[in-house]
Amino acid sequence: MHPLHDALYGASAGIVVIAGLARLLFGAVPIDFYLGNAFFWTKMGALATVAAISLLPTIQGIRWRRALGSDPSFLPPMTEANRVRRALAAQLAVLPLIPVSAAFMARGIGTL
């Protein structure tokens, strides 16, 4: 991934988290609505999981860019490339839980 794309991805994720925290703390809905909802916690868990999984491709991309800078003929080893592919596939598998959980939560489904 291009360094700019990685930075934009990280910045976008940060903005989403900040907006969510602002809504949680200063929103029109009481904080107990969120904290007492199973889908809120599902959404938070999915967000944390996606963030954690994204570390591997990010770190590997930095390493590969450095290696390419010192050796223009560098190609990543297949084992590393496959590991990154699996991480990206895992992110894509978990990612839909975030908007689906948000939709359920917005409808009041999942209140404990």
PDB file of N, CA and C in Angstrom:
ATOM      1  N   MET A   1       0.847  -1.169   0.000  1.00  0.00           N
ATOM      2  CA  MET A   1       0.000   0.000   0.000  1.00  0.00           C
ATOM      3  C   MET A   1       0.898   1.239   0.000  1.00  0.00           C
ATOM      4  N   HIS A   2       0.487   2.222  -0.717  1.00  0.00           N
ATOM      5  CA  HIS A   2       1.231   3.484  -0.780  1.00  0.00           C
ATOM      6  C   HIS A   2       1.183   4.146   0.601  1.00  0.00           C
ATOM      7  N   PRO A   3       2.275   4.787   1.036  1.00  0.00           N
ATOM      8  CA  PRO A   3       2.294   5.408   2.370  1.00  0.00           C
ATOM      9  C   PRO A   3       1.160   6.413   2.579  1.00  0.00           C
ATOM     10  N   LEU A   4       0.802   7.150   1.521  1.00  0.00           N
ATOM     11  CA  LEU A   4      -0.291   8.119   1.642  1.00  0.00           C
ATOM     12  C   LEU A   4      -1.617   7.412   1.892  1.00  0.00           C
ATOM     13  N   HIS A   5      -1.840   6.287   1.208  1.00  0.00           N
ATOM     14  CA  HIS A   5      -3.076   5.524   1.413  1.00  0.00           C
ATOM     15  C   HIS A   5      -3.158   5.002   2.839  1.00  0.00           C
ATOM     16  N   ASP A   6      -2.045   4.512   3.330  1.00  0.00           N
ATOM     17  CA  ASP A   6      -1.990   4.000   4.699  1.00  0.00           C
ATOM     18  C   ASP A   6      -2.291   5.119   5.698  1.00  0.00           C
ATOM     19  N   ALA A   7      -1.718   6.290   5.459  1.00  0.00           N
ATOM     20  CA  ALA A   7      -1.953   7.436   6.348  1.00  0.00           C
ATOM     21  C   ALA A   7      -3.409   7.890   6.290  1.00  0.00           C
ATOM     22  N   LEU A   8      -3.993   7.908   5.095  1.00  0.00           N
ATOM     23  CA  LEU A   8      -5.401   8.298   4.953  1.00  0.00           C
ATOM     24  C   LEU A   8      -6.323   7.289   5.636  1.00  0.00           C
ATOM     25  N   TYR A   9      -5.989   6.007   5.509  1.00  0.00           N
ATOM     26  CA  TYR A   9      -6.764   4.957   6.173  1.00  0.00           C
ATOM     27  C   TYR A   9      -6.724   5.154   7.692  1.00  0.00           C
ATOM     28  N   GLY A  10      -5.533   5.396   8.212  1.00  0.00           N
ATOM     29  CA  GLY A  10      -5.377   5.607   9.650  1.00  0.00           C
ATOM     30  C   GLY A  10      -6.083   6.867  10.117  1.00  0.00           C
ATOM     31  N   ALA A  11      -5.967   7.944   9.352  1.00  0.00           N
ATOM     32  CA  ALA A  11      -6.636   9.194   9.717  1.00  0.00           C
ATOM     33  C   ALA A  11      -8.155   9.034   9.689  1.00  0.00           C
ATOM     34  N   SER A  12      -8.658   8.332   8.689  1.00  0.00           N
ATOM     35  CA  SER A  12     -10.102   8.091   8.602  1.00  0.00           C
ATOM     36  C   SER A  12     -10.592   7.291   9.804  1.00  0.00           C
ATOM     37  N   ALA A  13      -9.848   6.275  10.162  1.00  0.00           N
ATOM     38  CA  ALA A  13     -10.222   5.471  11.331  1.00  0.00           C
ATOM     39  C   ALA A  13     -10.202   6.328  12.590  1.00  0.00           C
ATOM     40  N   GLY A  14      -9.200   7.189  12.721  1.00  0.00           N
ATOM     41  CA  GLY A  14      -9.121   8.084  13.877  1.00  0.00           C
ATOM     42  C   GLY A  14     -10.305   9.038  13.944  1.00  0.00           C
ATOM     43  N   ILE A  15     -10.709   9.586  12.802  1.00  0.00           N
ATOM     44  CA  ILE A  15     -11.858  10.491  12.761  1.00  0.00           C
ATOM     45  C   ILE A  15     -13.134   9.764  13.163  1.00  0.00           C
ATOM     46  N   VAL A  16     -13.291   8.538  12.699  1.00  0.00           N
ATOM     47  CA  VAL A  16     -14.476   7.750  13.064  1.00  0.00           C
ATOM     48  C   VAL A  16     -14.508   7.517  14.572  1.00  0.00           C
ATOM     49  N   VAL A  17     -13.368   7.180  15.156  1.00  0.00           N
ATOM     50  CA  VAL A  17     -13.313   6.945  16.605  1.00  0.00           C
ATOM     51  C   VAL A  17     -13.607   8.232  17.371  1.00  0.00           C
ATOM     52  N   ILE A  18     -13.027   9.348  16.949  1.00  0.00           N
ATOM     53  CA  ILE A  18     -13.269  10.634  17.627  1.00  0.00           C
ATOM     54  C   ILE A  18     -14.743  11.026  17.514  1.00  0.00           C
ATOM     55  N   ALA A  19     -15.324  10.861  16.330  1.00  0.00           N
ATOM     56  CA  ALA A  19     -16.739  11.188  16.152  1.00  0.00           C
ATOM     57  C   ALA A  19     -17.609  10.294  17.034  1.00  0.00           C
ATOM     58  N   GLY A  20     -17.256   9.028  17.107  1.00  0.00           N
ATOM     59  CA  GLY A  20     -18.013   8.109  17.951  1.00  0.00           C
ATOM     60  C   GLY A  20     -17.912   8.464  19.422  1.00  0.00           C
ATOM     61  N   LEU A  21     -16.710   8.815  19.872  1.00  0.00           N
ATOM     62  CA  LEU A  21     -16.539   9.215  21.270  1.00  0.00           C
ATOM     63  C   LEU A  21     -17.299  10.506  21.572  1.00  0.00           C
ATOM     64  N   ALA A  22     -17.274  11.456  20.637  1.00  0.00           N
ATOM     65  CA  ALA A  22     -18.021  12.706  20.830  1.00  0.00           C
ATOM     66  C   ALA A  22     -19.515  12.426  20.923  1.00  0.00           C
ATOM     67  N   ARG A  23     -19.987  11.530  20.071  1.00  0.00           N
ATOM     68  CA  ARG A  23     -21.412  11.162  20.109  1.00  0.00           C
ATOM     69  C   ARG A  23     -21.746  10.462  21.428  1.00  0.00           C
ATOM     70  N   LEU A  24     -20.841   9.616  21.879  1.00  0.00           N
ATOM     71  CA  LEU A  24     -21.043   8.901  23.132  1.00  0.00           C
ATOM     72  C   LEU A  24     -21.103   9.867  24.313  1.00  0.00           C
ATOM     73  N   LEU A  25     -20.187  10.824  24.346  1.00  0.00           N
ATOM     74  CA  LEU A  25     -20.080  11.731  25.483  1.00  0.00           C
ATOM     75  C   LEU A  25     -21.010  12.941  25.403  1.00  0.00           C
ATOM     76  N   PHE A  26     -21.252  13.445  24.192  1.00  0.00           N
ATOM     77  CA  PHE A  26     -22.011  14.693  24.060  1.00  0.00           C
ATOM     78  C   PHE A  26     -23.288  14.545  23.231  1.00  0.00           C
ATOM     79  N   GLY A  27     -23.650  13.329  22.879  1.00  0.00           N
ATOM     80  CA  GLY A  27     -24.814  13.105  22.025  1.00  0.00           C
ATOM     81  C   GLY A  27     -26.126  13.317  22.754  1.00  0.00           C
ATOM     82  N   ALA A  28     -27.190  13.292  21.969  1.00  0.00           N
ATOM     83  CA  ALA A  28     -28.529  13.508  22.511  1.00  0.00           C
ATOM     84  C   ALA A  28     -29.047  12.277  23.265  1.00  0.00           C
ATOM     85  N   VAL A  29     -28.406  11.149  23.031  1.00  0.00           N
ATOM     86  CA  VAL A  29     -28.834   9.898  23.665  1.00  0.00           C
ATOM     87  C   VAL A  29     -27.992   9.670  24.919  1.00  0.00           C
ATOM     88  N   PRO A  30     -28.616   9.284  26.021  1.00  0.00           N
ATOM     89  CA  PRO A  30     -27.842   9.024  27.249  1.00  0.00           C
ATOM     90  C   PRO A  30     -26.785   7.938  27.035  1.00  0.00           C
ATOM     91  N   ILE A  31     -25.676   8.076  27.724  1.00  0.00           N
ATOM     92  CA  ILE A  31     -24.559   7.133  27.584  1.00  0.00           C
ATOM     93  C   ILE A  31     -24.976   5.704  27.933  1.00  0.00           C
ATOM     94  N   ASP A  32     -25.929   5.553  28.836  1.00  0.00           N
ATOM     95  CA  ASP A  32     -26.394   4.213  29.219  1.00  0.00           C
ATOM     96  C   ASP A  32     -27.030   3.469  28.048  1.00  0.00           C
ATOM     97  N   PHE A  33     -27.596   4.213  27.093  1.00  0.00           N
ATOM     98  CA  PHE A  33     -28.165   3.575  25.901  1.00  0.00           C
ATOM     99  C   PHE A  33     -27.089   2.773  25.182  1.00  0.00           C
ATOM    100  N   TYR A  34     -25.902   3.360  25.078  1.00  0.00           N
ATOM    101  CA  TYR A  34     -24.800   2.686  24.389  1.00  0.00           C
ATOM    102  C   TYR A  34     -24.172   1.605  25.250  1.00  0.00           C
ATOM    103  N   LEU A  35     -23.824   1.956  26.469  1.00  0.00           N
ATOM    104  CA  LEU A  35     -23.100   1.021  27.329  1.00  0.00           C
ATOM    105  C   LEU A  35     -23.921  -0.206  27.692  1.00  0.00           C
ATOM    106  N   GLY A  36     -25.231  -0.086  27.637  1.00  0.00           N
ATOM    107  CA  GLY A  36     -26.097  -1.217  27.957  1.00  0.00           C
ATOM    108  C   GLY A  36     -26.591  -1.963  26.736  1.00  0.00           C
ATOM    109  N   ASN A  37     -25.914  -1.806  25.606  1.00  0.00           N
ATOM    110  CA  ASN A  37     -26.359  -2.444  24.375  1.00  0.00           C
ATOM    111  C   ASN A  37     -25.298  -3.431  23.892  1.00  0.00           C
ATOM    112  N   ALA A  38     -25.706  -4.672  23.690  1.00  0.00           N
ATOM    113  CA  ALA A  38     -24.775  -5.719  23.263  1.00  0.00           C
ATOM    114  C   ALA A  38     -24.153  -5.392  21.908  1.00  0.00           C
ATOM    115  N   PHE A  39     -24.926  -4.746  21.028  1.00  0.00           N
ATOM    116  CA  PHE A  39     -24.380  -4.426  19.706  1.00  0.00           C
ATOM    117  C   PHE A  39     -23.361  -3.289  19.761  1.00  0.00           C
ATOM    118  N   PHE A  40     -23.445  -2.431  20.758  1.00  0.00           N
ATOM    119  CA  PHE A  40     -22.399  -1.419  20.956  1.00  0.00           C
ATOM    120  C   PHE A  40     -21.083  -2.129  21.239  1.00  0.00           C
ATOM    121  N   TRP A  41     -21.126  -3.115  22.122  1.00  0.00           N
ATOM    122  CA  TRP A  41     -19.898  -3.827  22.483  1.00  0.00           C
ATOM    123  C   TRP A  41     -19.410  -4.707  21.336  1.00  0.00           C
ATOM    124  N   THR A  42     -20.339  -5.250  20.543  1.00  0.00           N
ATOM    125  CA  THR A  42     -19.951  -6.003  19.352  1.00  0.00           C
ATOM    126  C   THR A  42     -19.230  -5.074  18.378  1.00  0.00           C
ATOM    127  N   LYS A  43     -19.795  -3.882  18.197  1.00  0.00           N
ATOM    128  CA  LYS A  43     -19.196  -2.885  17.309  1.00  0.00           C
ATOM    129  C   LYS A  43     -17.806  -2.471  17.806  1.00  0.00           C
ATOM    130  N   MET A  44     -17.669  -2.224  19.103  1.00  0.00           N
ATOM    131  CA  MET A  44     -16.371  -1.835  19.663  1.00  0.00           C
ATOM    132  C   MET A  44     -15.351  -2.968  19.509  1.00  0.00           C
ATOM    133  N   GLY A  45     -15.798  -4.194  19.756  1.00  0.00           N
ATOM    134  CA  GLY A  45     -14.904  -5.343  19.591  1.00  0.00           C
ATOM    135  C   GLY A  45     -14.466  -5.523  18.154  1.00  0.00           C
ATOM    136  N   ALA A  46     -15.393  -5.348  17.220  1.00  0.00           N
ATOM    137  CA  ALA A  46     -15.053  -5.469  15.793  1.00  0.00           C
ATOM    138  C   ALA A  46     -14.092  -4.358  15.383  1.00  0.00           C
ATOM    139  N   LEU A  47     -14.330  -3.153  15.856  1.00  0.00           N
ATOM    140  CA  LEU A  47     -13.446  -2.027  15.540  1.00  0.00           C
ATOM    141  C   LEU A  47     -12.038  -2.288  16.083  1.00  0.00           C
ATOM    142  N   ALA A  48     -11.948  -2.760  17.307  1.00  0.00           N
ATOM    143  CA  ALA A  48     -10.632  -3.061  17.897  1.00  0.00           C
ATOM    144  C   ALA A  48      -9.946  -4.203  17.144  1.00  0.00           C
ATOM    145  N   THR A  49     -10.729  -5.192  16.728  1.00  0.00           N
ATOM    146  CA  THR A  49     -10.166  -6.328  15.989  1.00  0.00           C
ATOM    147  C   THR A  49      -9.621  -5.879  14.647  1.00  0.00           C
ATOM    148  N   VAL A  50     -10.397  -5.069  13.918  1.00  0.00           N
ATOM    149  CA  VAL A  50      -9.942  -4.566  12.620  1.00  0.00           C
ATOM    150  C   VAL A  50      -8.674  -3.728  12.800  1.00  0.00           C
ATOM    151  N   ALA A  51      -8.657  -2.899  13.847  1.00  0.00           N
ATOM    152  CA  ALA A  51      -7.470  -2.068  14.106  1.00  0.00           C
ATOM    153  C   ALA A  51      -6.253  -2.937  14.408  1.00  0.00           C
ATOM    154  N   ALA A  52      -6.439  -3.955  15.220  1.00  0.00           N
ATOM    155  CA  ALA A  52      -5.314  -4.833  15.571  1.00  0.00           C
ATOM    156  C   ALA A  52      -4.809  -5.605  14.350  1.00  0.00           C
ATOM    157  N   ILE A  53      -5.738  -6.110  13.550  1.00  0.00           N
ATOM    158  CA  ILE A  53      -5.333  -6.863  12.364  1.00  0.00           C
ATOM    159  C   ILE A  53      -4.603  -5.960  11.378  1.00  0.00           C
ATOM    160  N   SER A  54      -4.976  -4.688  11.320  1.00  0.00           N
ATOM    161  CA  SER A  54      -4.361  -3.770  10.354  1.00  0.00           C
ATOM    162  C   SER A  54      -2.896  -3.492  10.662  1.00  0.00           C
ATOM    163  N   LEU A  55      -2.458  -3.786  11.864  1.00  0.00           N
ATOM    164  CA  LEU A  55      -1.062  -3.544  12.216  1.00  0.00           C
ATOM    165  C   LEU A  55      -0.106  -4.369  11.363  1.00  0.00           C
ATOM    166  N   LEU A  56      -0.436  -5.633  11.120  1.00  0.00           N
ATOM    167  CA  LEU A  56       0.456  -6.495  10.346  1.00  0.00           C
ATOM    168  C   LEU A  56       0.686  -5.950   8.930  1.00  0.00           C
ATOM    169  N   PRO A  57      -0.376  -5.670   8.153  1.00  0.00           N
ATOM    170  CA  PRO A  57      -0.116  -5.122   6.811  1.00  0.00           C
ATOM    171  C   PRO A  57       0.612  -3.774   6.844  1.00  0.00           C
ATOM    172  N   THR A  58       0.311  -2.944   7.828  1.00  0.00           N
ATOM    173  CA  THR A  58       0.969  -1.642   7.921  1.00  0.00           C
ATOM    174  C   THR A  58       2.465  -1.805   8.176  1.00  0.00           C
ATOM    175  N   ILE A  59       2.811  -2.595   9.165  1.00  0.00           N
ATOM    176  CA  ILE A  59       4.220  -2.811   9.499  1.00  0.00           C
ATOM    177  C   ILE A  59       4.946  -3.499   8.349  1.00  0.00           C
ATOM    178  N   GLN A  60       4.293  -4.490   7.748  1.00  0.00           N
ATOM    179  CA  GLN A  60       4.925  -5.201   6.638  1.00  0.00           C
ATOM    180  C   GLN A  60       5.119  -4.268   5.449  1.00  0.00           C
ATOM    181  N   GLY A  61       4.151  -3.398   5.191  1.00  0.00           N
ATOM    182  CA  GLY A  61       4.289  -2.435   4.097  1.00  0.00           C
ATOM    183  C   GLY A  61       5.456  -1.492   4.311  1.00  0.00           C
ATOM    184  N   ILE A  62       5.649  -1.047   5.545  1.00  0.00           N
ATOM    185  CA  ILE A  62       6.794  -0.183   5.869  1.00  0.00           C
ATOM    186  C   ILE A  62       8.104  -0.924   5.608  1.00  0.00           C
ATOM    187  N   ARG A  63       8.169  -2.162   6.033  1.00  0.00           N
ATOM    188  CA  ARG A  63       9.388  -2.962   5.815  1.00  0.00           C
ATOM    189  C   ARG A  63       9.655  -3.151   4.328  1.00  0.00           C
ATOM    190  N   TRP A  64       8.595  -3.468   3.582  1.00  0.00           N
ATOM    191  CA  TRP A  64       8.763  -3.701   2.150  1.00  0.00           C
ATOM    192  C   TRP A  64       9.193  -2.422   1.430  1.00  0.00           C
ATOM    193  N   ARG A  65       8.641  -1.281   1.824  1.00  0.00           N
ATOM    194  CA  ARG A  65       9.039  -0.016   1.192  1.00  0.00           C
ATOM    195  C   ARG A  65      10.515   0.279   1.466  1.00  0.00           C
ATOM    196  N   ARG A  66      10.961   0.020   2.687  1.00  0.00           N
ATOM    197  CA  ARG A  66      12.379   0.218   3.017  1.00  0.00           C
ATOM    198  C   ARG A  66      13.259  -0.710   2.185  1.00  0.00           C
ATOM    199  N   ALA A  67      12.859  -1.966   2.090  1.00  0.00           N
ATOM    200  CA  ALA A  67      13.641  -2.932   1.324  1.00  0.00           C
ATOM    201  C   ALA A  67      13.678  -2.541  -0.151  1.00  0.00           C
ATOM    202  N   LEU A  68      12.564  -2.066  -0.676  1.00  0.00           N
ATOM    203  CA  LEU A  68      12.510  -1.640  -2.071  1.00  0.00           C
ATOM    204  C   LEU A  68      13.373  -0.401  -2.299  1.00  0.00           C
ATOM    205  N   GLY A  69      13.438   0.476  -1.293  1.00  0.00           N
ATOM    206  CA  GLY A  69      14.273   1.666  -1.399  1.00  0.00           C
ATOM    207  C   GLY A  69      15.752   1.333  -1.510  1.00  0.00           C
ATOM    208  N   SER A  70      16.173   0.279  -0.827  1.00  0.00           N
ATOM    209  CA  SER A  70      17.584  -0.085  -0.879  1.00  0.00           C
ATOM    210  C   SER A  70      17.886  -1.083  -1.997  1.00  0.00           C
ATOM    211  N   ASP A  71      16.851  -1.759  -2.489  1.00  0.00           N
ATOM    212  CA  ASP A  71      17.043  -2.727  -3.586  1.00  0.00           C
ATOM    213  C   ASP A  71      15.832  -2.638  -4.516  1.00  0.00           C
ATOM    214  N   PRO A  72      15.957  -1.901  -5.631  1.00  0.00           N
ATOM    215  CA  PRO A  72      14.819  -1.710  -6.534  1.00  0.00           C
ATOM    216  C   PRO A  72      14.257  -2.998  -7.129  1.00  0.00           C
ATOM    217  N   SER A  73      15.002  -4.092  -7.066  1.00  0.00           N
ATOM    218  CA  SER A  73      14.496  -5.362  -7.593  1.00  0.00           C
ATOM    219  C   SER A  73      13.843  -6.214  -6.496  1.00  0.00           C
ATOM    220  N   PHE A  74      13.667  -5.644  -5.305  1.00  0.00           N
ATOM    221  CA  PHE A  74      13.099  -6.390  -4.181  1.00  0.00           C
ATOM    222  C   PHE A  74      11.690  -6.883  -4.497  1.00  0.00           C
ATOM    223  N   LEU A  75      11.437  -8.125  -4.155  1.00  0.00           N
ATOM    224  CA  LEU A  75      10.098  -8.703  -4.190  1.00  0.00           C
ATOM    225  C   LEU A  75       9.834  -9.330  -2.833  1.00  0.00           C
ATOM    226  N   PRO A  76       8.664  -9.088  -2.263  1.00  0.00           N
ATOM    227  CA  PRO A  76       8.379  -9.682  -0.953  1.00  0.00           C
ATOM    228  C   PRO A  76       8.319 -11.206  -1.048  1.00  0.00           C
ATOM    229  N   PRO A  77       8.800 -11.875  -0.035  1.00  0.00           N
ATOM    230  CA  PRO A  77       8.679 -13.336  -0.005  1.00  0.00           C
ATOM    231  C   PRO A  77       7.204 -13.748  -0.006  1.00  0.00           C
ATOM    232  N   MET A  78       6.910 -14.822  -0.688  1.00  0.00           N
ATOM    233  CA  MET A  78       5.518 -15.280  -0.799  1.00  0.00           C
ATOM    234  C   MET A  78       4.882 -15.549   0.564  1.00  0.00           C
ATOM    235  N   THR A  79       5.662 -16.053   1.516  1.00  0.00           N
ATOM    236  CA  THR A  79       5.084 -16.325   2.836  1.00  0.00           C
ATOM    237  C   THR A  79       4.597 -15.029   3.483  1.00  0.00           C
ATOM    238  N   GLU A  80       5.376 -13.950   3.341  1.00  0.00           N
ATOM    239  CA  GLU A  80       4.970 -12.662   3.910  1.00  0.00           C
ATOM    240  C   GLU A  80       3.768 -12.094   3.162  1.00  0.00           C
ATOM    241  N   ALA A  81       3.799 -12.185   1.833  1.00  0.00           N
ATOM    242  CA  ALA A  81       2.681 -11.679   1.031  1.00  0.00           C
ATOM    243  C   ALA A  81       1.399 -12.433   1.363  1.00  0.00           C
ATOM    244  N   ASN A  82       1.500 -13.730   1.525  1.00  0.00           N
ATOM    245  CA  ASN A  82       0.314 -14.527   1.873  1.00  0.00           C
ATOM    246  C   ASN A  82      -0.205 -14.175   3.270  1.00  0.00           C
ATOM    247  N   ARG A  83       0.693 -13.890   4.196  1.00  0.00           N
ATOM    248  CA  ARG A  83       0.294 -13.497   5.545  1.00  0.00           C
ATOM    249  C   ARG A  83      -0.479 -12.169   5.496  1.00  0.00           C
ATOM    250  N   VAL A  84       0.008 -11.241   4.690  1.00  0.00           N
ATOM    251  CA  VAL A  84      -0.676  -9.954   4.544  1.00  0.00           C
ATOM    252  C   VAL A  84      -2.039 -10.157   3.885  1.00  0.00           C
ATOM    253  N   ARG A  85      -2.111 -10.997   2.867  1.00  0.00           N
ATOM    254  CA  ARG A  85      -3.396 -11.288   2.210  1.00  0.00           C
ATOM    255  C   ARG A  85      -4.399 -11.871   3.202  1.00  0.00           C
ATOM    256  N   ARG A  86      -3.936 -12.793   4.040  1.00  0.00           N
ATOM    257  CA  ARG A  86      -4.835 -13.392   5.044  1.00  0.00           C
ATOM    258  C   ARG A  86      -5.311 -12.339   6.043  1.00  0.00           C
ATOM    259  N   ALA A  87      -4.411 -11.432   6.429  1.00  0.00           N
ATOM    260  CA  ALA A  87      -4.797 -10.367   7.356  1.00  0.00           C
ATOM    261  C   ALA A  87      -5.840  -9.458   6.725  1.00  0.00           C
ATOM    262  N   LEU A  88      -5.644  -9.099   5.461  1.00  0.00           N
ATOM    263  CA  LEU A  88      -6.619  -8.249   4.780  1.00  0.00           C
ATOM    264  C   LEU A  88      -7.959  -8.962   4.624  1.00  0.00           C
ATOM    265  N   ALA A  89      -7.925 -10.258   4.339  1.00  0.00           N
ATOM    266  CA  ALA A  89      -9.169 -11.027   4.233  1.00  0.00           C
ATOM    267  C   ALA A  89      -9.878 -11.095   5.591  1.00  0.00           C
ATOM    268  N   ALA A  90      -9.114 -11.233   6.653  1.00  0.00           N
ATOM    269  CA  ALA A  90      -9.710 -11.258   8.001  1.00  0.00           C
ATOM    270  C   ALA A  90     -10.350  -9.907   8.322  1.00  0.00           C
ATOM    271  N   GLN A  91      -9.680  -8.826   7.949  1.00  0.00           N
ATOM    272  CA  GLN A  91     -10.272  -7.497   8.153  1.00  0.00           C
ATOM    273  C   GLN A  91     -11.594  -7.384   7.407  1.00  0.00           C
ATOM    274  N   LEU A  92     -11.610  -7.824   6.159  1.00  0.00           N
ATOM    275  CA  LEU A  92     -12.835  -7.743   5.360  1.00  0.00           C
ATOM    276  C   LEU A  92     -13.946  -8.617   5.929  1.00  0.00           C
ATOM    277  N   ALA A  93     -13.576  -9.699   6.590  1.00  0.00           N
ATOM    278  CA  ALA A  93     -14.583 -10.567   7.194  1.00  0.00           C
ATOM    279  C   ALA A  93     -15.201  -9.921   8.439  1.00  0.00           C
ATOM    280  N   VAL A  94     -14.399  -9.198   9.204  1.00  0.00           N
ATOM    281  CA  VAL A  94     -14.869  -8.592  10.457  1.00  0.00           C
ATOM    282  C   VAL A  94     -15.531  -7.240  10.215  1.00  0.00           C
ATOM    283  N   LEU A  95     -15.047  -6.499   9.222  1.00  0.00           N
ATOM    284  CA  LEU A  95     -15.502  -5.133   8.970  1.00  0.00           C
ATOM    285  C   LEU A  95     -17.024  -4.973   8.876  1.00  0.00           C
ATOM    286  N   PRO A  96     -17.766  -5.852   8.213  1.00  0.00           N
ATOM    287  CA  PRO A  96     -19.219  -5.656   8.128  1.00  0.00           C
ATOM    288  C   PRO A  96     -19.942  -5.669   9.474  1.00  0.00           C
ATOM    289  N   LEU A  97     -19.321  -6.241  10.489  1.00  0.00           N
ATOM    290  CA  LEU A  97     -19.950  -6.235  11.814  1.00  0.00           C
ATOM    291  C   LEU A  97     -20.136  -4.820  12.356  1.00  0.00           C
ATOM    292  N   ILE A  98     -19.285  -3.892  11.930  1.00  0.00           N
ATOM    293  CA  ILE A  98     -19.354  -2.526  12.460  1.00  0.00           C
ATOM    294  C   ILE A  98     -20.631  -1.820  12.020  1.00  0.00           C
ATOM    295  N   PRO A  99     -20.913  -1.682  10.711  1.00  0.00           N
ATOM    296  CA  PRO A  99     -22.161  -1.001  10.342  1.00  0.00           C
ATOM    297  C   PRO A  99     -23.415  -1.797  10.685  1.00  0.00           C
ATOM    298  N   VAL A 100     -23.345  -3.124  10.625  1.00  0.00           N
ATOM    299  CA  VAL A 100     -24.519  -3.928  10.982  1.00  0.00           C
ATOM    300  C   VAL A 100     -24.847  -3.741  12.461  1.00  0.00           C
ATOM    301  N   SER A 101     -23.829  -3.768  13.305  1.00  0.00           N
ATOM    302  CA  SER A 101     -24.050  -3.538  14.740  1.00  0.00           C
ATOM    303  C   SER A 101     -24.590  -2.140  14.988  1.00  0.00           C
ATOM    304  N   ALA A 102     -24.071  -1.153  14.262  1.00  0.00           N
ATOM    305  CA  ALA A 102     -24.544   0.225  14.417  1.00  0.00           C
ATOM    306  C   ALA A 102     -26.020   0.329  14.034  1.00  0.00           C
ATOM    307  N   ALA A 103     -26.414  -0.346  12.969  1.00  0.00           N
ATOM    308  CA  ALA A 103     -27.816  -0.305  12.538  1.00  0.00           C
ATOM    309  C   ALA A 103     -28.725  -0.945  13.586  1.00  0.00           C
ATOM    310  N   PHE A 104     -28.321  -2.091  14.114  1.00  0.00           N
ATOM    311  CA  PHE A 104     -29.120  -2.733  15.174  1.00  0.00           C
ATOM    312  C   PHE A 104     -29.209  -1.845  16.401  1.00  0.00           C
ATOM    313  N   MET A 105     -28.082  -1.293  16.771  1.00  0.00           N
ATOM    314  CA  MET A 105     -28.030  -0.439  17.960  1.00  0.00           C
ATOM    315  C   MET A 105     -28.929   0.778  17.786  1.00  0.00           C
ATOM    316  N   ALA A 106     -28.924   1.397  16.606  1.00  0.00           N
ATOM    317  CA  ALA A 106     -29.731   2.580  16.349  1.00  0.00           C
ATOM    318  C   ALA A 106     -31.233   2.278  16.448  1.00  0.00           C
ATOM    319  N   ARG A 107     -31.594   1.024  16.237  1.00  0.00           N
ATOM    320  CA  ARG A 107     -32.992   0.615  16.324  1.00  0.00           C
ATOM    321  C   ARG A 107     -33.368   0.101  17.717  1.00  0.00           C
ATOM    322  N   GLY A 108     -32.422   0.197  18.633  1.00  0.00           N
ATOM    323  CA  GLY A 108     -32.692  -0.221  19.998  1.00  0.00           C
ATOM    324  C   GLY A 108     -32.612  -1.714  20.225  1.00  0.00           C
ATOM    325  N   ILE A 109     -32.105  -2.450  19.227  1.00  0.00           N
ATOM    326  CA  ILE A 109     -31.969  -3.900  19.358  1.00  0.00           C
ATOM    327  C   ILE A 109     -30.681  -4.195  20.122  1.00  0.00           C
ATOM    328  N   GLY A 110     -30.736  -5.119  21.048  1.00  0.00           N
ATOM    329  CA  GLY A 110     -29.549  -5.519  21.784  1.00  0.00           C
ATOM    330  C   GLY A 110     -29.432  -4.914  23.176  1.00  0.00           C
ATOM    331  N   THR A 111     -30.468  -4.193  23.602  1.00  0.00           N
ATOM    332  CA  THR A 111     -30.417  -3.591  24.930  1.00  0.00           C
ATOM    333  C   THR A 111     -30.391  -4.695  25.975  1.00  0.00           C
ATOM    334  N   LEU A 112     -29.428  -4.591  26.876  1.00  0.00           N
ATOM    335  CA  LEU A 112     -29.277  -5.623  27.919  1.00  0.00           C
ATOM    336  C   LEU A 112     -30.269  -5.413  29.050  1.00  0.00           C
TER     337      LEU A 112
END
